[in-house]
Amino acid sequence: MSVSLERRRSSRIDKVFRVLISTEEYGDQWFVARNISSTGMFVEMPEPLPLRSKVIVRFALTGETPGGIHSDSDAAITAMAKVQNHYYLQFSDKDGLRALCGVGLRFTRFLPEEHMVPPAHAMH
């Protein structure tokens, strides 16, 4: 029996939560995020964004609903990220065969203030 070694450098938090992803091309959309670390996270989305897309990630305050965030100043944490990978997963559970797809985001930086808007050149 072989033992697989963990290749990740950062520890992960396997928690499911909602994030608001913003892009110039597709606007603001809510998605489900999971498996977060200090360097990135997995985000479920029915149609993955193109590789290398730059995005703004806004993490909602605990207990907020998707309609609960009305402005940038309501976000608890805001980060810039880049779409690093596409993932297409198939699995089986009590409901039978299911599928899931999404993207791996790599954080490029965290914005120092909740309401800060990234400079225009950072999104190009």
Protein backbone atom coordinates (compact mmCIF):
# COMPACT_ATOMS: atom_id res chain seq x y z
CA MET A 1 0.00 0.00 0.00
CA SER A 2 1.44 3.38 -0.98
CA VAL A 3 1.02 6.56 0.99
CA SER A 4 0.32 9.71 -0.99
CA LEU A 5 2.00 12.90 0.14
CA GLU A 6 0.13 16.18 0.30
CA ARG A 7 1.59 18.52 -2.35
CA ARG A 8 -0.11 21.65 -1.09
CA ARG A 9 1.99 24.10 0.86
CA SER A 10 -0.94 25.80 2.59
CA SER A 11 -3.42 24.10 4.87
CA ARG A 12 -7.03 24.12 3.67
CA ILE A 13 -10.34 24.88 5.30
CA ASP A 14 -13.02 22.62 3.83
CA LYS A 15 -15.99 24.91 4.44
CA VAL A 16 -18.81 25.82 2.02
CA PHE A 17 -19.70 29.51 1.74
CA ARG A 18 -20.97 32.05 -0.79
CA VAL A 19 -18.75 34.56 -2.58
CA LEU A 20 -19.46 37.38 -4.98
CA ILE A 21 -17.20 37.13 -8.02
CA SER A 22 -16.80 40.28 -10.14
CA THR A 23 -15.29 40.52 -13.61
CA GLU A 24 -15.34 43.23 -16.24
CA GLU A 25 -16.71 40.81 -18.84
CA TYR A 26 -19.42 39.05 -16.79
CA GLY A 27 -20.26 41.51 -13.99
CA ASP A 28 -21.13 40.36 -10.45
CA GLN A 29 -22.28 36.79 -9.83
CA TRP A 30 -22.79 34.71 -6.67
CA PHE A 31 -21.11 31.31 -6.46
CA VAL A 32 -20.37 28.63 -3.89
CA ALA A 33 -16.76 28.47 -2.72
CA ARG A 34 -15.05 25.71 -0.78
CA ASN A 35 -11.64 24.40 0.14
CA ILE A 36 -10.01 27.77 0.86
CA SER A 37 -6.37 28.37 1.77
CA SER A 38 -4.19 31.44 2.12
CA THR A 39 -3.22 31.17 -1.56
CA GLY A 40 -6.49 30.26 -3.27
CA MET A 41 -9.78 28.35 -3.32
CA PHE A 42 -12.15 26.26 -5.41
CA VAL A 43 -15.32 27.96 -6.67
CA GLU A 44 -18.23 25.99 -8.12
CA MET A 45 -19.69 27.52 -11.26
CA PRO A 46 -21.85 25.99 -13.99
CA GLU A 47 -19.76 27.58 -16.75
CA PRO A 48 -16.16 28.21 -15.68
CA LEU A 49 -14.60 31.58 -16.44
CA PRO A 50 -11.73 31.56 -18.96
CA LEU A 51 -8.28 30.61 -17.68
CA ARG A 52 -6.18 33.57 -16.49
CA SER A 53 -9.28 35.75 -16.02
CA LYS A 54 -8.74 38.37 -13.31
CA VAL A 55 -11.54 38.53 -10.76
CA ILE A 56 -12.48 40.33 -7.57
CA VAL A 57 -13.67 38.03 -4.79
CA ARG A 58 -15.90 39.40 -2.04
CA PHE A 59 -16.51 37.19 0.96
CA ALA A 60 -19.87 37.83 2.63
CA LEU A 61 -20.20 38.50 6.32
CA THR A 62 -21.40 35.49 8.31
CA GLY A 63 -25.16 35.07 7.98
CA GLU A 64 -25.52 37.37 4.99
CA THR A 65 -27.74 36.25 2.14
CA PRO A 66 -26.92 36.81 -1.53
CA GLY A 67 -29.25 39.81 -1.60
CA GLY A 68 -27.77 41.13 1.64
CA ILE A 69 -24.69 42.75 0.14
CA HIS A 70 -25.61 45.97 -1.59
CA SER A 71 -22.28 47.77 -1.86
CA ASP A 72 -18.56 47.20 -1.69
CA SER A 73 -18.48 48.57 1.84
CA ASP A 74 -20.58 45.61 3.07
CA ALA A 75 -17.95 42.98 2.15
CA ALA A 76 -15.98 41.48 5.01
CA ILE A 77 -12.92 40.57 2.91
CA THR A 78 -12.06 41.54 -0.66
CA ALA A 79 -9.32 39.92 -2.76
CA MET A 80 -7.98 39.99 -6.28
CA ALA A 81 -7.55 36.55 -7.86
CA LYS A 82 -6.82 34.81 -11.14
CA VAL A 83 -8.50 31.72 -12.63
CA GLN A 84 -5.73 29.14 -12.45
CA ASN A 85 -7.47 25.81 -13.29
CA HIS A 86 -10.73 24.31 -14.54
CA TYR A 87 -12.20 21.30 -12.73
CA TYR A 88 -14.88 18.85 -13.90
CA LEU A 89 -15.78 16.26 -11.27
CA GLN A 90 -18.12 13.27 -11.33
CA PHE A 91 -19.15 11.48 -8.17
CA SER A 92 -21.81 9.18 -6.82
CA ASP A 93 -23.92 9.69 -3.71
CA LYS A 94 -27.29 8.52 -2.41
CA ASP A 95 -28.98 10.28 -5.36
CA GLY A 96 -26.82 8.49 -7.94
CA LEU A 97 -24.23 9.82 -10.36
CA ARG A 98 -23.68 13.58 -10.14
CA ALA A 99 -21.30 16.14 -11.60
CA LEU A 100 -19.71 19.37 -10.47
CA CYS A 101 -17.53 21.90 -12.25
CA GLY A 102 -15.72 25.02 -11.22
CA VAL A 103 -12.45 26.89 -11.11
CA GLY A 104 -9.39 27.05 -8.95
CA LEU A 105 -8.67 30.66 -8.06
CA ARG A 106 -5.23 31.85 -7.02
CA PHE A 107 -5.22 34.93 -4.81
CA THR A 108 -2.94 37.64 -6.15
CA ARG A 109 -3.54 40.11 -3.31
CA PHE A 110 -5.97 41.11 -0.63
CA LEU A 111 -7.26 44.65 -0.71
CA PRO A 112 -6.43 46.62 2.44
CA GLU A 113 -9.88 48.15 2.85
CA GLU A 114 -13.28 46.53 2.42
CA HIS A 115 -14.61 49.28 0.16
CA MET A 116 -11.47 49.78 -1.91
CA VAL A 117 -11.96 49.55 -5.65
CA PRO A 118 -8.97 48.00 -7.45
CA PRO A 119 -7.09 50.27 -9.82
CA ALA A 120 -8.28 50.04 -13.43
CA HIS A 121 -4.95 48.66 -14.66
CA ALA A 122 -5.23 45.70 -12.23
CA MET A 123 -8.25 44.29 -14.07
CA HIS A 124 -6.61 44.32 -17.55
